[in-house]
């Protein structure tokens, strides 16, 4: 008995369907856009954290100065 093999690169019944170049490029483009969005959010939150840390350090310095001033009185 001989069996015939079907050549079916994109049919649903084919077991070894492959991605086309366009599909691969689209996936890479989507990943690139998502990573840029994530990095943008990361840099913005990092900038806000540095600003908050700076204001906190100023607050601690002011509290220490006022404690020193009250001790010397």
PDB file of N, CA and C in Angstrom:
ATOM      1  N   UNK A   1       0.821  -1.165   0.000  1.00  0.00           N
ATOM      2  CA  UNK A   1       0.000   0.000   0.000  1.00  0.00           C
ATOM      3  C   UNK A   1       0.882   1.250   0.000  1.00  0.00           C
ATOM      4  N   UNK A   2       0.590   2.166  -0.843  1.00  0.00           N
ATOM      5  CA  UNK A   2       1.353   3.400  -0.879  1.00  0.00           C
ATOM      6  C   UNK A   2       0.508   4.532  -0.303  1.00  0.00           C
ATOM      7  N   UNK A   3       1.178   5.389   0.391  1.00  0.00           N
ATOM      8  CA  UNK A   3       0.475   6.543   0.953  1.00  0.00           C
ATOM      9  C   UNK A   3       0.961   7.792   0.244  1.00  0.00           C
ATOM     10  N   UNK A   4       0.072   8.679   0.034  1.00  0.00           N
ATOM     11  CA  UNK A   4       0.458   9.943  -0.587  1.00  0.00           C
ATOM     12  C   UNK A   4       0.556  10.999   0.500  1.00  0.00           C
ATOM     13  N   UNK A   5       1.555  11.811   0.401  1.00  0.00           N
ATOM     14  CA  UNK A   5       1.756  12.883   1.376  1.00  0.00           C
ATOM     15  C   UNK A   5       1.201  14.172   0.800  1.00  0.00           C
ATOM     16  N   UNK A   6       0.422  14.840   1.606  1.00  0.00           N
ATOM     17  CA  UNK A   6      -0.121  16.120   1.168  1.00  0.00           C
ATOM     18  C   UNK A   6       0.872  17.218   1.530  1.00  0.00           C
ATOM     19  N   UNK A   7       1.021  18.143   0.644  1.00  0.00           N
ATOM     20  CA  UNK A   7       1.829  19.318   0.945  1.00  0.00           C
ATOM     21  C   UNK A   7       0.857  20.403   1.397  1.00  0.00           C
ATOM     22  N   UNK A   8       0.884  20.664   2.666  1.00  0.00           N
ATOM     23  CA  UNK A   8      -0.072  21.626   3.233  1.00  0.00           C
ATOM     24  C   UNK A   8       0.643  22.546   4.208  1.00  0.00           C
ATOM     25  N   UNK A   9       1.320  23.574   3.704  1.00  0.00           N
ATOM     26  CA  UNK A   9       2.091  24.420   4.619  1.00  0.00           C
ATOM     27  C   UNK A   9       1.254  25.240   5.594  1.00  0.00           C
ATOM     28  N   UNK A  10       0.009  25.590   5.259  1.00  0.00           N
ATOM     29  CA  UNK A  10      -0.759  26.466   6.147  1.00  0.00           C
ATOM     30  C   UNK A  10      -2.148  25.930   6.456  1.00  0.00           C
ATOM     31  N   UNK A  11      -2.453  24.708   6.110  1.00  0.00           N
ATOM     32  CA  UNK A  11      -3.793  24.200   6.393  1.00  0.00           C
ATOM     33  C   UNK A  11      -3.894  23.735   7.839  1.00  0.00           C
ATOM     34  N   UNK A  12      -5.088  23.799   8.448  1.00  0.00           N
ATOM     35  CA  UNK A  12      -5.234  23.459   9.870  1.00  0.00           C
ATOM     36  C   UNK A  12      -4.896  22.010  10.191  1.00  0.00           C
ATOM     37  N   UNK A  13      -5.052  21.102   9.259  1.00  0.00           N
ATOM     38  CA  UNK A  13      -4.785  19.701   9.538  1.00  0.00           C
ATOM     39  C   UNK A  13      -3.319  19.325   9.430  1.00  0.00           C
ATOM     40  N   UNK A  14      -2.514  20.206   8.962  1.00  0.00           N
ATOM     41  CA  UNK A  14      -1.097  19.906   8.767  1.00  0.00           C
ATOM     42  C   UNK A  14      -0.363  19.992  10.111  1.00  0.00           C
ATOM     43  N   UNK A  15       0.495  19.053  10.372  1.00  0.00           N
ATOM     44  CA  UNK A  15       1.169  19.004  11.665  1.00  0.00           C
ATOM     45  C   UNK A  15       2.352  19.932  11.807  1.00  0.00           C
ATOM     46  N   UNK A  16       2.946  20.362  10.727  1.00  0.00           N
ATOM     47  CA  UNK A  16       4.153  21.187  10.829  1.00  0.00           C
ATOM     48  C   UNK A  16       3.958  22.547  10.178  1.00  0.00           C
ATOM     49  N   UNK A  17       2.915  23.226  10.556  1.00  0.00           N
ATOM     50  CA  UNK A  17       2.673  24.574  10.026  1.00  0.00           C
ATOM     51  C   UNK A  17       3.710  25.521  10.605  1.00  0.00           C
ATOM     52  N   UNK A  18       4.223  26.401   9.788  1.00  0.00           N
ATOM     53  CA  UNK A  18       5.285  27.305  10.217  1.00  0.00           C
ATOM     54  C   UNK A  18       4.791  28.752  10.156  1.00  0.00           C
ATOM     55  N   UNK A  19       5.474  29.620  10.871  1.00  0.00           N
ATOM     56  CA  UNK A  19       5.171  31.040  10.810  1.00  0.00           C
ATOM     57  C   UNK A  19       5.748  31.617   9.527  1.00  0.00           C
ATOM     58  N   UNK A  20       5.058  32.598   8.990  1.00  0.00           N
ATOM     59  CA  UNK A  20       5.611  33.300   7.841  1.00  0.00           C
ATOM     60  C   UNK A  20       6.512  34.413   8.343  1.00  0.00           C
ATOM     61  N   UNK A  21       7.255  34.985   7.446  1.00  0.00           N
ATOM     62  CA  UNK A  21       8.172  36.060   7.816  1.00  0.00           C
ATOM     63  C   UNK A  21       7.397  37.270   8.330  1.00  0.00           C
ATOM     64  N   UNK A  22       6.279  37.581   7.724  1.00  0.00           N
ATOM     65  CA  UNK A  22       5.475  38.731   8.156  1.00  0.00           C
ATOM     66  C   UNK A  22       4.963  38.515   9.573  1.00  0.00           C
ATOM     67  N   UNK A  23       4.493  37.326   9.881  1.00  0.00           N
ATOM     68  CA  UNK A  23       4.009  37.047  11.238  1.00  0.00           C
ATOM     69  C   UNK A  23       5.136  37.173  12.254  1.00  0.00           C
ATOM     70  N   UNK A  24       6.299  36.694  11.909  1.00  0.00           N
ATOM     71  CA  UNK A  24       7.447  36.798  12.812  1.00  0.00           C
ATOM     72  C   UNK A  24       7.841  38.253  13.035  1.00  0.00           C
ATOM     73  N   UNK A  25       7.853  39.044  11.976  1.00  0.00           N
ATOM     74  CA  UNK A  25       8.191  40.462  12.113  1.00  0.00           C
ATOM     75  C   UNK A  25       7.143  41.213  12.924  1.00  0.00           C
ATOM     76  N   UNK A  26       5.882  40.845  12.778  1.00  0.00           N
ATOM     77  CA  UNK A  26       4.832  41.486  13.567  1.00  0.00           C
ATOM     78  C   UNK A  26       4.991  41.175  15.054  1.00  0.00           C
ATOM     79  N   UNK A  27       5.325  39.942  15.375  1.00  0.00           N
ATOM     80  CA  UNK A  27       5.535  39.567  16.780  1.00  0.00           C
ATOM     81  C   UNK A  27       6.722  40.330  17.355  1.00  0.00           C
ATOM     82  N   UNK A  28       7.788  40.450  16.588  1.00  0.00           N
ATOM     83  CA  UNK A  28       8.968  41.193  17.052  1.00  0.00           C
ATOM     84  C   UNK A  28       8.616  42.665  17.248  1.00  0.00           C
ATOM     85  N   UNK A  29       7.828  43.243  16.342  1.00  0.00           N
ATOM     86  CA  UNK A  29       7.430  44.643  16.475  1.00  0.00           C
ATOM     87  C   UNK A  29       6.555  44.855  17.707  1.00  0.00           C
ATOM     88  N   UNK A  30       5.642  43.954  17.969  1.00  0.00           N
ATOM     89  CA  UNK A  30       4.773  44.076  19.145  1.00  0.00           C
ATOM     90  C   UNK A  30       5.595  43.976  20.422  1.00  0.00           C
ATOM     91  N   UNK A  31       6.533  43.051  20.461  1.00  0.00           N
ATOM     92  CA  UNK A  31       7.400  42.914  21.641  1.00  0.00           C
ATOM     93  C   UNK A  31       8.238  44.171  21.835  1.00  0.00           C
ATOM     94  N   UNK A  32       8.729  44.750  20.743  1.00  0.00           N
ATOM     95  CA  UNK A  32       9.527  45.973  20.842  1.00  0.00           C
ATOM     96  C   UNK A  32       8.701  47.136  21.391  1.00  0.00           C
ATOM     97  N   UNK A  33       7.475  47.281  20.929  1.00  0.00           N
ATOM     98  CA  UNK A  33       6.618  48.365  21.413  1.00  0.00           C
ATOM     99  C   UNK A  33       6.292  48.170  22.889  1.00  0.00           C
ATOM    100  N   UNK A  34       5.969  46.951  23.281  1.00  0.00           N
ATOM    101  CA  UNK A  34       5.659  46.696  24.689  1.00  0.00           C
ATOM    102  C   UNK A  34       6.865  46.935  25.587  1.00  0.00           C
ATOM    103  N   UNK A  35       8.048  46.558  25.134  1.00  0.00           N
ATOM    104  CA  UNK A  35       9.238  46.788  25.955  1.00  0.00           C
ATOM    105  C   UNK A  35       9.550  48.277  26.063  1.00  0.00           C
ATOM    106  N   UNK A  36       9.323  49.046  24.992  1.00  0.00           N
ATOM    107  CA  UNK A  36       9.527  50.490  25.081  1.00  0.00           C
ATOM    108  C   UNK A  36       8.556  51.126  26.066  1.00  0.00           C
ATOM    109  N   UNK A  37       7.317  50.675  26.055  1.00  0.00           N
ATOM    110  CA  UNK A  37       6.343  51.204  27.014  1.00  0.00           C
ATOM    111  C   UNK A  37       6.742  50.862  28.447  1.00  0.00           C
ATOM    112  N   UNK A  38       7.220  49.647  28.656  1.00  0.00           N
ATOM    113  CA  UNK A  38       7.629  49.232  30.001  1.00  0.00           C
ATOM    114  C   UNK A  38       8.840  50.027  30.470  1.00  0.00           C
ATOM    115  N   UNK A  39       9.804  50.260  29.579  1.00  0.00           N
ATOM    116  CA  UNK A  39      10.986  51.036  29.966  1.00  0.00           C
ATOM    117  C   UNK A  39      10.638  52.484  30.246  1.00  0.00           C
ATOM    118  N   UNK A  40       9.696  53.033  29.489  1.00  0.00           N
ATOM    119  CA  UNK A  40       9.271  54.404  29.732  1.00  0.00           C
ATOM    120  C   UNK A  40       8.626  54.526  31.107  1.00  0.00           C
ATOM    121  N   UNK A  41       7.758  53.586  31.448  1.00  0.00           N
ATOM    122  CA  UNK A  41       7.133  53.609  32.777  1.00  0.00           C
ATOM    123  C   UNK A  41       8.160  53.404  33.876  1.00  0.00           C
ATOM    124  N   UNK A  42       9.146  52.560  33.625  1.00  0.00           N
ATOM    125  CA  UNK A  42      10.187  52.309  34.621  1.00  0.00           C
ATOM    126  C   UNK A  42      11.006  53.569  34.876  1.00  0.00           C
ATOM    127  N   UNK A  43      11.392  54.265  33.823  1.00  0.00           N
ATOM    128  CA  UNK A  43      12.210  55.462  34.014  1.00  0.00           C
ATOM    129  C   UNK A  43      11.407  56.565  34.703  1.00  0.00           C
ATOM    130  N   UNK A  44      10.110  56.675  34.383  1.00  0.00           N
ATOM    131  CA  UNK A  44       9.280  57.676  35.040  1.00  0.00           C
ATOM    132  C   UNK A  44       9.124  57.382  36.531  1.00  0.00           C
ATOM    133  N   UNK A  45       8.895  56.123  36.885  1.00  0.00           N
ATOM    134  CA  UNK A  45       8.748  55.787  38.299  1.00  0.00           C
ATOM    135  C   UNK A  45      10.083  55.925  39.038  1.00  0.00           C
ATOM    136  N   UNK A  46      11.167  55.657  38.345  1.00  0.00           N
ATOM    137  CA  UNK A  46      12.488  55.833  38.968  1.00  0.00           C
ATOM    138  C   UNK A  46      12.752  57.308  39.260  1.00  0.00           C
ATOM    139  N   UNK A  47      12.365  58.185  38.323  1.00  0.00           N
ATOM    140  CA  UNK A  47      12.541  59.622  38.535  1.00  0.00           C
ATOM    141  C   UNK A  47      11.698  60.092  39.717  1.00  0.00           C
ATOM    142  N   UNK A  48      10.474  59.593  39.808  1.00  0.00           N
ATOM    143  CA  UNK A  48       9.611  59.978  40.936  1.00  0.00           C
ATOM    144  C   UNK A  48      10.158  59.466  42.265  1.00  0.00           C
ATOM    145  N   UNK A  49      10.725  58.275  42.248  1.00  0.00           N
ATOM    146  CA  UNK A  49      11.295  57.728  43.485  1.00  0.00           C
ATOM    147  C   UNK A  49      12.488  58.555  43.944  1.00  0.00           C
ATOM    148  N   UNK A  50      13.317  58.981  43.001  1.00  0.00           N
ATOM    149  CA  UNK A  50      14.459  59.823  43.377  1.00  0.00           C
ATOM    150  C   UNK A  50      13.999  61.162  43.940  1.00  0.00           C
ATOM    151  N   UNK A  51      12.957  61.720  43.342  1.00  0.00           N
ATOM    152  CA  UNK A  51      12.430  62.996  43.843  1.00  0.00           C
ATOM    153  C   UNK A  51      11.859  62.828  45.247  1.00  0.00           C
ATOM    154  N   UNK A  52      11.161  61.725  45.467  1.00  0.00           N
ATOM    155  CA  UNK A  52      10.593  61.475  46.793  1.00  0.00           C
ATOM    156  C   UNK A  52      11.691  61.242  47.819  1.00  0.00           C
ATOM    157  N   UNK A  53      12.738  60.525  47.423  1.00  0.00           N
ATOM    158  CA  UNK A  53      13.840  60.274  48.355  1.00  0.00           C
ATOM    159  C   UNK A  53      14.544  61.577  48.708  1.00  0.00           C
ATOM    160  N   UNK A  54      14.693  62.456  47.732  1.00  0.00           N
ATOM    161  CA  UNK A  54      15.332  63.746  48.003  1.00  0.00           C
ATOM    162  C   UNK A  54      14.518  64.590  48.955  1.00  0.00           C
ATOM    163  N   UNK A  55      13.207  64.618  48.797  1.00  0.00           N
ATOM    164  CA  UNK A  55      12.375  65.414  49.700  1.00  0.00           C
ATOM    165  C   UNK A  55      12.350  64.783  51.094  1.00  0.00           C
ATOM    166  N   UNK A  56      12.420  63.456  51.165  1.00  0.00           N
ATOM    167  CA  UNK A  56      12.455  62.789  52.461  1.00  0.00           C
ATOM    168  C   UNK A  56      13.756  63.114  53.193  1.00  0.00           C
ATOM    169  N   UNK A  57      14.866  63.109  52.463  1.00  0.00           N
ATOM    170  CA  UNK A  57      16.154  63.440  53.092  1.00  0.00           C
ATOM    171  C   UNK A  57      16.156  64.874  53.593  1.00  0.00           C
ATOM    172  N   UNK A  58      15.556  65.790  52.840  1.00  0.00           N
ATOM    173  CA  UNK A  58      15.460  67.178  53.291  1.00  0.00           C
ATOM    174  C   UNK A  58      14.602  67.262  54.550  1.00  0.00           C
ATOM    175  N   UNK A  59      13.513  66.501  54.588  1.00  0.00           N
ATOM    176  CA  UNK A  59      12.636  66.492  55.758  1.00  0.00           C
ATOM    177  C   UNK A  59      13.394  65.989  56.993  1.00  0.00           C
ATOM    178  N   UNK A  60      14.138  64.899  56.844  1.00  0.00           N
ATOM    179  CA  UNK A  60      14.901  64.349  57.974  1.00  0.00           C
ATOM    180  C   UNK A  60      15.958  65.354  58.432  1.00  0.00           C
ATOM    181  N   UNK A  61      16.605  66.022  57.484  1.00  0.00           N
ATOM    182  CA  UNK A  61      17.609  67.028  57.847  1.00  0.00           C
ATOM    183  C   UNK A  61      16.961  68.170  58.628  1.00  0.00           C
ATOM    184  N   UNK A  62      15.796  68.632  58.185  1.00  0.00           N
ATOM    185  CA  UNK A  62      15.095  69.715  58.894  1.00  0.00           C
ATOM    186  C   UNK A  62      14.673  69.281  60.295  1.00  0.00           C
ATOM    187  N   UNK A  63      14.203  68.052  60.439  1.00  0.00           N
ATOM    188  CA  UNK A  63      13.805  67.552  61.750  1.00  0.00           C
ATOM    189  C   UNK A  63      15.027  67.471  62.672  1.00  0.00           C
ATOM    190  N   UNK A  64      16.131  66.976  62.162  1.00  0.00           N
ATOM    191  CA  UNK A  64      17.353  66.899  62.980  1.00  0.00           C
ATOM    192  C   UNK A  64      17.833  68.285  63.408  1.00  0.00           C
ATOM    193  N   UNK A  65      17.774  69.252  62.496  1.00  0.00           N
ATOM    194  CA  UNK A  65      18.183  70.604  62.846  1.00  0.00           C
ATOM    195  C   UNK A  65      17.286  71.208  63.919  1.00  0.00           C
ATOM    196  N   UNK A  66      15.973  70.959  63.810  1.00  0.00           N
ATOM    197  CA  UNK A  66      15.066  71.517  64.807  1.00  0.00           C
ATOM    198  C   UNK A  66      15.244  70.815  66.154  1.00  0.00           C
ATOM    199  N   UNK A  67      15.565  69.512  66.150  1.00  0.00           N
ATOM    200  CA  UNK A  67      15.843  68.816  67.413  1.00  0.00           C
ATOM    201  C   UNK A  67      17.109  69.349  68.059  1.00  0.00           C
ATOM    202  N   UNK A  68      18.137  69.594  67.246  1.00  0.00           N
ATOM    203  CA  UNK A  68      19.387  70.156  67.774  1.00  0.00           C
ATOM    204  C   UNK A  68      19.143  71.563  68.335  1.00  0.00           C
ATOM    205  N   UNK A  69      18.327  72.345  67.653  1.00  0.00           N
ATOM    206  CA  UNK A  69      18.040  73.698  68.124  1.00  0.00           C
ATOM    207  C   UNK A  69      17.271  73.672  69.444  1.00  0.00           C
ATOM    208  N   UNK A  70      16.346  72.710  69.576  1.00  0.00           N
ATOM    209  CA  UNK A  70      15.575  72.635  70.811  1.00  0.00           C
ATOM    210  C   UNK A  70      16.425  72.104  71.959  1.00  0.00           C
ATOM    211  N   UNK A  71      17.413  71.277  71.677  1.00  0.00           N
ATOM    212  CA  UNK A  71      18.294  70.774  72.737  1.00  0.00           C
ATOM    213  C   UNK A  71      19.225  71.856  73.254  1.00  0.00           C
ATOM    214  N   UNK A  72      19.642  72.759  72.368  1.00  0.00           N
ATOM    215  CA  UNK A  72      20.584  73.789  72.788  1.00  0.00           C
ATOM    216  C   UNK A  72      19.900  74.895  73.588  1.00  0.00           C
ATOM    217  N   UNK A  73      18.580  75.000  73.525  1.00  0.00           N
ATOM    218  CA  UNK A  73      17.877  76.040  74.262  1.00  0.00           C
ATOM    219  C   UNK A  73      17.781  75.757  75.727  1.00  0.00           C
TER     220      UNK A  73
END
